[in-house]
């Protein structure tokens, strides 16, 4: 599990792992319990340039959230905006930056 980060919680371990899709690089976030056969998908944060309802050939960072553990499909999709504007800012607050 060298490509994973694991954080123990009272509800199970939150696992962050690299997606294996080279066309849409990203990170899966799952909930893992030792007594379960598979992990519960919580979220996927990924880059995509081929989302059907978005402009073609334009890259986007999208977060998909599985907020209902009883559904196989994601329940929310967030298209992150303002990325280029953020990185053009001259005075980014230190609290917003990772050091």
PDB file of N, CA and C in Angstrom:
ATOM      1  N   UNK A   1       0.822  -1.197   0.000  1.00  0.00           N
ATOM      2  CA  UNK A   1       0.000   0.000   0.000  1.00  0.00           C
ATOM      3  C   UNK A   1       0.861   1.254   0.000  1.00  0.00           C
ATOM      4  N   UNK A   2       1.895   1.314  -0.790  1.00  0.00           N
ATOM      5  CA  UNK A   2       2.786   2.468  -0.811  1.00  0.00           C
ATOM      6  C   UNK A   2       2.110   3.698  -1.416  1.00  0.00           C
ATOM      7  N   UNK A   3       1.097   3.529  -2.254  1.00  0.00           N
ATOM      8  CA  UNK A   3       0.384   4.657  -2.851  1.00  0.00           C
ATOM      9  C   UNK A   3      -0.858   5.008  -2.060  1.00  0.00           C
ATOM     10  N   UNK A   4      -0.883   4.694  -0.765  1.00  0.00           N
ATOM     11  CA  UNK A   4      -2.059   4.935   0.066  1.00  0.00           C
ATOM     12  C   UNK A   4      -1.707   5.721   1.312  1.00  0.00           C
ATOM     13  N   UNK A   5      -2.699   6.440   1.796  1.00  0.00           N
ATOM     14  CA  UNK A   5      -2.634   7.086   3.100  1.00  0.00           C
ATOM     15  C   UNK A   5      -3.793   6.516   3.893  1.00  0.00           C
ATOM     16  N   UNK A   6      -3.542   6.166   5.155  1.00  0.00           N
ATOM     17  CA  UNK A   6      -4.558   5.549   6.006  1.00  0.00           C
ATOM     18  C   UNK A   6      -4.690   6.354   7.289  1.00  0.00           C
ATOM     19  N   UNK A   7      -5.929   6.710   7.624  1.00  0.00           N
ATOM     20  CA  UNK A   7      -6.221   7.446   8.850  1.00  0.00           C
ATOM     21  C   UNK A   7      -7.303   6.669   9.596  1.00  0.00           C
ATOM     22  N   UNK A   8      -6.969   6.239  10.810  1.00  0.00           N
ATOM     23  CA  UNK A   8      -7.931   5.480  11.618  1.00  0.00           C
ATOM     24  C   UNK A   8      -8.967   6.417  12.222  1.00  0.00           C
ATOM     25  N   UNK A   9     -10.245   5.999  12.168  1.00  0.00           N
ATOM     26  CA  UNK A   9     -11.339   6.730  12.800  1.00  0.00           C
ATOM     27  C   UNK A   9     -12.198   5.720  13.560  1.00  0.00           C
ATOM     28  N   UNK A  10     -13.074   6.179  14.442  1.00  0.00           N
ATOM     29  CA  UNK A  10     -13.971   5.247  15.138  1.00  0.00           C
ATOM     30  C   UNK A  10     -14.904   4.465  14.198  1.00  0.00           C
ATOM     31  N   UNK A  11     -15.136   4.975  12.975  1.00  0.00           N
ATOM     32  CA  UNK A  11     -16.022   4.290  12.022  1.00  0.00           C
ATOM     33  C   UNK A  11     -15.279   3.391  11.041  1.00  0.00           C
ATOM     34  N   UNK A  12     -13.981   3.378  11.114  1.00  0.00           N
ATOM     35  CA  UNK A  12     -13.153   2.603  10.195  1.00  0.00           C
ATOM     36  C   UNK A  12     -12.006   3.461   9.708  1.00  0.00           C
ATOM     37  N   UNK A  13     -11.166   2.890   8.873  1.00  0.00           N
ATOM     38  CA  UNK A  13     -10.006   3.614   8.345  1.00  0.00           C
ATOM     39  C   UNK A  13     -10.389   4.341   7.064  1.00  0.00           C
ATOM     40  N   UNK A  14     -10.077   5.637   7.021  1.00  0.00           N
ATOM     41  CA  UNK A  14     -10.229   6.386   5.775  1.00  0.00           C
ATOM     42  C   UNK A  14      -8.959   6.138   4.976  1.00  0.00           C
ATOM     43  N   UNK A  15      -9.146   5.649   3.761  1.00  0.00           N
ATOM     44  CA  UNK A  15      -8.039   5.292   2.883  1.00  0.00           C
ATOM     45  C   UNK A  15      -8.048   6.233   1.677  1.00  0.00           C
ATOM     46  N   UNK A  16      -6.921   6.858   1.388  1.00  0.00           N
ATOM     47  CA  UNK A  16      -6.759   7.654   0.173  1.00  0.00           C
ATOM     48  C   UNK A  16      -5.760   6.912  -0.699  1.00  0.00           C
ATOM     49  N   UNK A  17      -6.156   6.616  -1.936  1.00  0.00           N
ATOM     50  CA  UNK A  17      -5.269   5.859  -2.818  1.00  0.00           C
ATOM     51  C   UNK A  17      -5.318   6.439  -4.228  1.00  0.00           C
ATOM     52  N   UNK A  18      -4.249   6.259  -4.937  1.00  0.00           N
ATOM     53  CA  UNK A  18      -4.118   6.770  -6.299  1.00  0.00           C
ATOM     54  C   UNK A  18      -5.046   5.986  -7.227  1.00  0.00           C
ATOM     55  N   UNK A  19      -5.738   6.713  -8.087  1.00  0.00           N
ATOM     56  CA  UNK A  19      -6.586   6.089  -9.109  1.00  0.00           C
ATOM     57  C   UNK A  19      -5.702   5.412 -10.145  1.00  0.00           C
ATOM     58  N   UNK A  20      -6.166   4.326 -10.718  1.00  0.00           N
ATOM     59  CA  UNK A  20      -5.359   3.616 -11.722  1.00  0.00           C
ATOM     60  C   UNK A  20      -5.764   3.960 -13.155  1.00  0.00           C
ATOM     61  N   UNK A  21      -6.479   5.068 -13.344  1.00  0.00           N
ATOM     62  CA  UNK A  21      -6.915   5.484 -14.672  1.00  0.00           C
ATOM     63  C   UNK A  21      -5.966   6.568 -15.200  1.00  0.00           C
ATOM     64  N   UNK A  22      -5.072   6.240 -16.139  1.00  0.00           N
ATOM     65  CA  UNK A  22      -4.105   7.231 -16.627  1.00  0.00           C
ATOM     66  C   UNK A  22      -4.760   8.386 -17.393  1.00  0.00           C
ATOM     67  N   UNK A  23      -5.959   8.190 -17.932  1.00  0.00           N
ATOM     68  CA  UNK A  23      -6.664   9.256 -18.645  1.00  0.00           C
ATOM     69  C   UNK A  23      -7.294  10.259 -17.685  1.00  0.00           C
ATOM     70  N   UNK A  24      -7.577   9.821 -16.463  1.00  0.00           N
ATOM     71  CA  UNK A  24      -8.222  10.660 -15.453  1.00  0.00           C
ATOM     72  C   UNK A  24      -7.496  10.482 -14.123  1.00  0.00           C
ATOM     73  N   UNK A  25      -6.298  11.029 -13.987  1.00  0.00           N
ATOM     74  CA  UNK A  25      -5.541  10.833 -12.750  1.00  0.00           C
ATOM     75  C   UNK A  25      -6.263  11.463 -11.563  1.00  0.00           C
ATOM     76  N   UNK A  26      -6.223  10.754 -10.452  1.00  0.00           N
ATOM     77  CA  UNK A  26      -6.905  11.273  -9.286  1.00  0.00           C
ATOM     78  C   UNK A  26      -6.662  10.438  -8.051  1.00  0.00           C
ATOM     79  N   UNK A  27      -7.493  10.690  -7.055  1.00  0.00           N
ATOM     80  CA  UNK A  27      -7.374  10.015  -5.766  1.00  0.00           C
ATOM     81  C   UNK A  27      -8.748   9.525  -5.322  1.00  0.00           C
ATOM     82  N   UNK A  28      -8.828   8.255  -4.963  1.00  0.00           N
ATOM     83  CA  UNK A  28     -10.019   7.664  -4.353  1.00  0.00           C
ATOM     84  C   UNK A  28      -9.933   7.833  -2.844  1.00  0.00           C
ATOM     85  N   UNK A  29     -11.048   8.092  -2.217  1.00  0.00           N
ATOM     86  CA  UNK A  29     -11.131   8.124  -0.759  1.00  0.00           C
ATOM     87  C   UNK A  29     -12.218   7.136  -0.358  1.00  0.00           C
ATOM     88  N   UNK A  30     -11.827   6.124   0.404  1.00  0.00           N
ATOM     89  CA  UNK A  30     -12.731   5.045   0.797  1.00  0.00           C
ATOM     90  C   UNK A  30     -12.738   4.885   2.310  1.00  0.00           C
ATOM     91  N   UNK A  31     -13.737   4.169   2.797  1.00  0.00           N
ATOM     92  CA  UNK A  31     -13.795   3.790   4.202  1.00  0.00           C
ATOM     93  C   UNK A  31     -13.600   2.281   4.272  1.00  0.00           C
ATOM     94  N   UNK A  32     -12.661   1.847   5.088  1.00  0.00           N
ATOM     95  CA  UNK A  32     -12.308   0.433   5.168  1.00  0.00           C
ATOM     96  C   UNK A  32     -12.540  -0.082   6.584  1.00  0.00           C
ATOM     97  N   UNK A  33     -13.156  -1.257   6.653  1.00  0.00           N
ATOM     98  CA  UNK A  33     -13.318  -1.951   7.928  1.00  0.00           C
ATOM     99  C   UNK A  33     -12.769  -3.354   7.784  1.00  0.00           C
ATOM    100  N   UNK A  34     -12.122  -3.857   8.821  1.00  0.00           N
ATOM    101  CA  UNK A  34     -11.492  -5.181   8.715  1.00  0.00           C
ATOM    102  C   UNK A  34     -12.498  -6.320   8.540  1.00  0.00           C
ATOM    103  N   UNK A  35     -13.745  -6.128   8.967  1.00  0.00           N
ATOM    104  CA  UNK A  35     -14.742  -7.190   8.878  1.00  0.00           C
ATOM    105  C   UNK A  35     -15.576  -7.128   7.596  1.00  0.00           C
ATOM    106  N   UNK A  36     -15.239  -6.227   6.668  1.00  0.00           N
ATOM    107  CA  UNK A  36     -16.009  -6.067   5.429  1.00  0.00           C
ATOM    108  C   UNK A  36     -15.243  -6.650   4.252  1.00  0.00           C
ATOM    109  N   UNK A  37     -16.001  -7.118   3.252  1.00  0.00           N
ATOM    110  CA  UNK A  37     -15.390  -7.694   2.055  1.00  0.00           C
ATOM    111  C   UNK A  37     -14.834  -6.635   1.103  1.00  0.00           C
ATOM    112  N   UNK A  38     -15.392  -5.435   1.145  1.00  0.00           N
ATOM    113  CA  UNK A  38     -14.890  -4.383   0.260  1.00  0.00           C
ATOM    114  C   UNK A  38     -15.021  -3.032   0.955  1.00  0.00           C
ATOM    115  N   UNK A  39     -14.332  -2.032   0.384  1.00  0.00           N
ATOM    116  CA  UNK A  39     -14.348  -0.688   0.937  1.00  0.00           C
ATOM    117  C   UNK A  39     -15.599   0.061   0.488  1.00  0.00           C
ATOM    118  N   UNK A  40     -16.011   1.027   1.289  1.00  0.00           N
ATOM    119  CA  UNK A  40     -17.119   1.912   0.944  1.00  0.00           C
ATOM    120  C   UNK A  40     -16.540   3.143   0.261  1.00  0.00           C
ATOM    121  N   UNK A  41     -16.958   3.416  -0.972  1.00  0.00           N
ATOM    122  CA  UNK A  41     -16.483   4.599  -1.685  1.00  0.00           C
ATOM    123  C   UNK A  41     -17.070   5.840  -1.031  1.00  0.00           C
ATOM    124  N   UNK A  42     -16.199   6.806  -0.733  1.00  0.00           N
ATOM    125  CA  UNK A  42     -16.645   8.084  -0.184  1.00  0.00           C
ATOM    126  C   UNK A  42     -16.537   9.199  -1.220  1.00  0.00           C
ATOM    127  N   UNK A  43     -15.402   9.248  -1.937  1.00  0.00           N
ATOM    128  CA  UNK A  43     -15.187  10.329  -2.896  1.00  0.00           C
ATOM    129  C   UNK A  43     -14.098   9.956  -3.893  1.00  0.00           C
ATOM    130  N   UNK A  44     -14.140  10.626  -5.021  1.00  0.00           N
ATOM    131  CA  UNK A  44     -13.092  10.542  -6.038  1.00  0.00           C
ATOM    132  C   UNK A  44     -12.809  11.962  -6.493  1.00  0.00           C
ATOM    133  N   UNK A  45     -11.559  12.392  -6.384  1.00  0.00           N
ATOM    134  CA  UNK A  45     -11.131  13.692  -6.892  1.00  0.00           C
ATOM    135  C   UNK A  45     -10.217  13.389  -8.067  1.00  0.00           C
ATOM    136  N   UNK A  46     -10.588  13.890  -9.254  1.00  0.00           N
ATOM    137  CA  UNK A  46      -9.813  13.538 -10.444  1.00  0.00           C
ATOM    138  C   UNK A  46      -9.783  14.668 -11.456  1.00  0.00           C
ATOM    139  N   UNK A  47      -8.774  14.601 -12.329  1.00  0.00           N
ATOM    140  CA  UNK A  47      -8.690  15.464 -13.498  1.00  0.00           C
ATOM    141  C   UNK A  47      -9.401  14.741 -14.633  1.00  0.00           C
ATOM    142  N   UNK A  48     -10.180  15.486 -15.404  1.00  0.00           N
ATOM    143  CA  UNK A  48     -10.778  14.908 -16.596  1.00  0.00           C
ATOM    144  C   UNK A  48     -10.847  15.953 -17.699  1.00  0.00           C
ATOM    145  N   UNK A  49     -10.616  15.508 -18.908  1.00  0.00           N
ATOM    146  CA  UNK A  49     -10.724  16.393 -20.075  1.00  0.00           C
ATOM    147  C   UNK A  49     -11.850  15.934 -20.991  1.00  0.00           C
ATOM    148  N   UNK A  50     -12.585  14.898 -20.575  1.00  0.00           N
ATOM    149  CA  UNK A  50     -13.603  14.339 -21.468  1.00  0.00           C
ATOM    150  C   UNK A  50     -14.947  14.101 -20.774  1.00  0.00           C
ATOM    151  N   UNK A  51     -15.318  15.007 -19.868  1.00  0.00           N
ATOM    152  CA  UNK A  51     -16.619  14.906 -19.216  1.00  0.00           C
ATOM    153  C   UNK A  51     -17.676  15.316 -20.237  1.00  0.00           C
ATOM    154  N   UNK A  52     -18.654  14.464 -20.492  1.00  0.00           N
ATOM    155  CA  UNK A  52     -19.605  14.638 -21.581  1.00  0.00           C
ATOM    156  C   UNK A  52     -20.331  15.965 -21.645  1.00  0.00           C
ATOM    157  N   UNK A  53     -20.692  16.541 -20.523  1.00  0.00           N
ATOM    158  CA  UNK A  53     -21.480  17.764 -20.538  1.00  0.00           C
ATOM    159  C   UNK A  53     -20.638  19.035 -20.373  1.00  0.00           C
ATOM    160  N   UNK A  54     -19.318  18.903 -20.404  1.00  0.00           N
ATOM    161  CA  UNK A  54     -18.427  20.058 -20.276  1.00  0.00           C
ATOM    162  C   UNK A  54     -17.700  20.283 -21.592  1.00  0.00           C
ATOM    163  N   UNK A  55     -17.168  21.500 -21.804  1.00  0.00           N
ATOM    164  CA  UNK A  55     -16.469  21.781 -23.066  1.00  0.00           C
ATOM    165  C   UNK A  55     -15.364  20.765 -23.348  1.00  0.00           C
ATOM    166  N   UNK A  56     -15.313  20.305 -24.602  1.00  0.00           N
ATOM    167  CA  UNK A  56     -14.302  19.321 -25.003  1.00  0.00           C
ATOM    168  C   UNK A  56     -12.904  19.911 -24.913  1.00  0.00           C
ATOM    169  N   UNK A  57     -11.955  19.034 -24.629  1.00  0.00           N
ATOM    170  CA  UNK A  57     -10.524  19.368 -24.590  1.00  0.00           C
ATOM    171  C   UNK A  57     -10.181  20.403 -23.523  1.00  0.00           C
ATOM    172  N   UNK A  58     -11.104  20.663 -22.626  1.00  0.00           N
ATOM    173  CA  UNK A  58     -10.841  21.596 -21.540  1.00  0.00           C
ATOM    174  C   UNK A  58     -10.722  20.769 -20.268  1.00  0.00           C
ATOM    175  N   UNK A  59      -9.631  20.905 -19.565  1.00  0.00           N
ATOM    176  CA  UNK A  59      -9.427  20.102 -18.372  1.00  0.00           C
ATOM    177  C   UNK A  59     -10.177  20.638 -17.165  1.00  0.00           C
ATOM    178  N   UNK A  60     -10.634  19.727 -16.323  1.00  0.00           N
ATOM    179  CA  UNK A  60     -11.382  20.087 -15.120  1.00  0.00           C
ATOM    180  C   UNK A  60     -10.943  19.183 -13.975  1.00  0.00           C
ATOM    181  N   UNK A  61     -11.002  19.714 -12.762  1.00  0.00           N
ATOM    182  CA  UNK A  61     -10.885  18.895 -11.566  1.00  0.00           C
ATOM    183  C   UNK A  61     -12.312  18.689 -11.074  1.00  0.00           C
ATOM    184  N   UNK A  62     -12.679  17.427 -10.910  1.00  0.00           N
ATOM    185  CA  UNK A  62     -14.040  17.077 -10.491  1.00  0.00           C
ATOM    186  C   UNK A  62     -13.958  16.202  -9.254  1.00  0.00           C
ATOM    187  N   UNK A  63     -14.829  16.490  -8.299  1.00  0.00           N
ATOM    188  CA  UNK A  63     -14.981  15.638  -7.128  1.00  0.00           C
ATOM    189  C   UNK A  63     -16.338  14.965  -7.215  1.00  0.00           C
ATOM    190  N   UNK A  64     -16.327  13.662  -7.107  1.00  0.00           N
ATOM    191  CA  UNK A  64     -17.570  12.883  -7.080  1.00  0.00           C
ATOM    192  C   UNK A  64     -17.715  12.340  -5.662  1.00  0.00           C
ATOM    193  N   UNK A  65     -18.912  12.466  -5.105  1.00  0.00           N
ATOM    194  CA  UNK A  65     -19.155  12.082  -3.719  1.00  0.00           C
ATOM    195  C   UNK A  65     -20.237  11.014  -3.664  1.00  0.00           C
ATOM    196  N   UNK A  66     -19.968   9.966  -2.899  1.00  0.00           N
ATOM    197  CA  UNK A  66     -20.946   8.921  -2.623  1.00  0.00           C
ATOM    198  C   UNK A  66     -21.465   9.194  -1.205  1.00  0.00           C
ATOM    199  N   UNK A  67     -22.507  10.044  -1.100  1.00  0.00           N
ATOM    200  CA  UNK A  67     -22.994  10.429   0.222  1.00  0.00           C
ATOM    201  C   UNK A  67     -23.988   9.428   0.791  1.00  0.00           C
ATOM    202  N   UNK A  68     -24.427   8.493  -0.024  1.00  0.00           N
ATOM    203  CA  UNK A  68     -25.364   7.461   0.428  1.00  0.00           C
ATOM    204  C   UNK A  68     -24.713   6.097   0.210  1.00  0.00           C
ATOM    205  N   UNK A  69     -24.346   5.445   1.308  1.00  0.00           N
ATOM    206  CA  UNK A  69     -23.683   4.146   1.222  1.00  0.00           C
ATOM    207  C   UNK A  69     -24.523   3.059   0.584  1.00  0.00           C
ATOM    208  N   UNK A  70     -25.814   3.296   0.409  1.00  0.00           N
ATOM    209  CA  UNK A  70     -26.699   2.305  -0.205  1.00  0.00           C
ATOM    210  C   UNK A  70     -26.771   2.438  -1.720  1.00  0.00           C
ATOM    211  N   UNK A  71     -26.137   3.454  -2.282  1.00  0.00           N
ATOM    212  CA  UNK A  71     -26.159   3.648  -3.732  1.00  0.00           C
ATOM    213  C   UNK A  71     -24.797   3.343  -4.329  1.00  0.00           C
ATOM    214  N   UNK A  72     -24.801   2.670  -5.481  1.00  0.00           N
ATOM    215  CA  UNK A  72     -23.533   2.368  -6.153  1.00  0.00           C
ATOM    216  C   UNK A  72     -22.988   3.564  -6.917  1.00  0.00           C
ATOM    217  N   UNK A  73     -23.861   4.413  -7.411  1.00  0.00           N
ATOM    218  CA  UNK A  73     -23.430   5.585  -8.178  1.00  0.00           C
ATOM    219  C   UNK A  73     -23.192   6.766  -7.250  1.00  0.00           C
ATOM    220  N   UNK A  74     -22.335   7.665  -7.691  1.00  0.00           N
ATOM    221  CA  UNK A  74     -22.094   8.854  -6.883  1.00  0.00           C
ATOM    222  C   UNK A  74     -23.365   9.689  -6.807  1.00  0.00           C
ATOM    223  N   UNK A  75     -23.497  10.443  -5.730  1.00  0.00           N
ATOM    224  CA  UNK A  75     -24.701  11.232  -5.499  1.00  0.00           C
ATOM    225  C   UNK A  75     -24.498  12.713  -5.793  1.00  0.00           C
ATOM    226  N   UNK A  76     -23.264  13.185  -5.748  1.00  0.00           N
ATOM    227  CA  UNK A  76     -22.959  14.575  -6.066  1.00  0.00           C
ATOM    228  C   UNK A  76     -21.719  14.651  -6.938  1.00  0.00           C
ATOM    229  N   UNK A  77     -21.717  15.662  -7.794  1.00  0.00           N
ATOM    230  CA  UNK A  77     -20.548  15.935  -8.630  1.00  0.00           C
ATOM    231  C   UNK A  77     -20.237  17.416  -8.504  1.00  0.00           C
ATOM    232  N   UNK A  78     -19.019  17.703  -8.117  1.00  0.00           N
ATOM    233  CA  UNK A  78     -18.581  19.087  -7.955  1.00  0.00           C
ATOM    234  C   UNK A  78     -17.529  19.367  -9.018  1.00  0.00           C
ATOM    235  N   UNK A  79     -17.773  20.381  -9.829  1.00  0.00           N
ATOM    236  CA  UNK A  79     -16.803  20.821 -10.821  1.00  0.00           C
ATOM    237  C   UNK A  79     -16.096  22.024 -10.209  1.00  0.00           C
ATOM    238  N   UNK A  80     -14.826  21.871  -9.895  1.00  0.00           N
ATOM    239  CA  UNK A  80     -14.090  22.928  -9.216  1.00  0.00           C
ATOM    240  C   UNK A  80     -13.830  24.074 -10.186  1.00  0.00           C
ATOM    241  N   UNK A  81     -14.105  25.274  -9.716  1.00  0.00           N
ATOM    242  CA  UNK A  81     -13.963  26.474 -10.544  1.00  0.00           C
ATOM    243  C   UNK A  81     -12.979  27.428  -9.896  1.00  0.00           C
ATOM    244  N   UNK A  82     -12.503  28.378 -10.677  1.00  0.00           N
ATOM    245  CA  UNK A  82     -11.631  29.417 -10.151  1.00  0.00           C
ATOM    246  C   UNK A  82     -10.210  28.967  -9.885  1.00  0.00           C
ATOM    247  N   UNK A  83      -9.815  27.835 -10.429  1.00  0.00           N
ATOM    248  CA  UNK A  83      -8.470  27.300 -10.171  1.00  0.00           C
ATOM    249  C   UNK A  83      -7.401  28.234 -10.729  1.00  0.00           C
ATOM    250  N   UNK A  84      -7.535  28.613 -11.978  1.00  0.00           N
ATOM    251  CA  UNK A  84      -6.524  29.491 -12.586  1.00  0.00           C
ATOM    252  C   UNK A  84      -6.506  30.844 -11.892  1.00  0.00           C
ATOM    253  N   UNK A  85      -7.674  31.382 -11.539  1.00  0.00           N
ATOM    254  CA  UNK A  85      -7.730  32.654 -10.828  1.00  0.00           C
ATOM    255  C   UNK A  85      -7.008  32.565  -9.487  1.00  0.00           C
ATOM    256  N   UNK A  86      -7.207  31.472  -8.782  1.00  0.00           N
ATOM    257  CA  UNK A  86      -6.558  31.293  -7.486  1.00  0.00           C
ATOM    258  C   UNK A  86      -5.034  31.362  -7.626  1.00  0.00           C
ATOM    259  N   UNK A  87      -4.501  30.669  -8.603  1.00  0.00           N
ATOM    260  CA  UNK A  87      -3.049  30.622  -8.758  1.00  0.00           C
ATOM    261  C   UNK A  87      -2.472  31.893  -9.382  1.00  0.00           C
ATOM    262  N   UNK A  88      -3.330  32.765  -9.901  1.00  0.00           N
ATOM    263  CA  UNK A  88      -2.879  34.068 -10.403  1.00  0.00           C
ATOM    264  C   UNK A  88      -2.875  35.126  -9.304  1.00  0.00           C
ATOM    265  N   UNK A  89      -3.466  34.834  -8.180  1.00  0.00           N
ATOM    266  CA  UNK A  89      -3.550  35.812  -7.089  1.00  0.00           C
ATOM    267  C   UNK A  89      -2.143  36.191  -6.632  1.00  0.00           C
ATOM    268  N   UNK A  90      -1.919  37.492  -6.444  1.00  0.00           N
ATOM    269  CA  UNK A  90      -0.606  37.966  -6.020  1.00  0.00           C
ATOM    270  C   UNK A  90      -0.361  37.726  -4.538  1.00  0.00           C
ATOM    271  N   UNK A  91      -1.359  37.956  -3.734  1.00  0.00           N
ATOM    272  CA  UNK A  91      -1.200  37.837  -2.286  1.00  0.00           C
ATOM    273  C   UNK A  91      -2.115  36.751  -1.743  1.00  0.00           C
ATOM    274  N   UNK A  92      -1.680  35.514  -1.831  1.00  0.00           N
ATOM    275  CA  UNK A  92      -2.458  34.405  -1.284  1.00  0.00           C
ATOM    276  C   UNK A  92      -2.215  34.371   0.217  1.00  0.00           C
ATOM    277  N   UNK A  93      -3.312  34.305   0.979  1.00  0.00           N
ATOM    278  CA  UNK A  93      -3.185  34.248   2.431  1.00  0.00           C
ATOM    279  C   UNK A  93      -2.386  33.014   2.832  1.00  0.00           C
ATOM    280  N   UNK A  94      -1.423  33.173   3.762  1.00  0.00           N
ATOM    281  CA  UNK A  94      -0.622  32.019   4.195  1.00  0.00           C
ATOM    282  C   UNK A  94      -1.477  30.861   4.706  1.00  0.00           C
ATOM    283  N   UNK A  95      -2.627  31.163   5.319  1.00  0.00           N
ATOM    284  CA  UNK A  95      -3.478  30.088   5.839  1.00  0.00           C
ATOM    285  C   UNK A  95      -4.081  29.247   4.729  1.00  0.00           C
ATOM    286  N   UNK A  96      -4.095  29.765   3.501  1.00  0.00           N
ATOM    287  CA  UNK A  96      -4.639  29.024   2.375  1.00  0.00           C
ATOM    288  C   UNK A  96      -3.593  28.167   1.687  1.00  0.00           C
ATOM    289  N   UNK A  97      -2.346  28.355   2.052  1.00  0.00           N
ATOM    290  CA  UNK A  97      -1.261  27.636   1.395  1.00  0.00           C
ATOM    291  C   UNK A  97      -0.789  26.452   2.234  1.00  0.00           C
ATOM    292  N   UNK A  98      -0.357  25.447   1.551  1.00  0.00           N
ATOM    293  CA  UNK A  98       0.223  24.280   2.195  1.00  0.00           C
ATOM    294  C   UNK A  98       1.741  24.491   2.263  1.00  0.00           C
ATOM    295  N   UNK A  99       2.321  24.269   3.436  1.00  0.00           N
ATOM    296  CA  UNK A  99       3.773  24.458   3.559  1.00  0.00           C
ATOM    297  C   UNK A  99       4.486  23.155   3.764  1.00  0.00           C
TER     298      UNK A  99
END
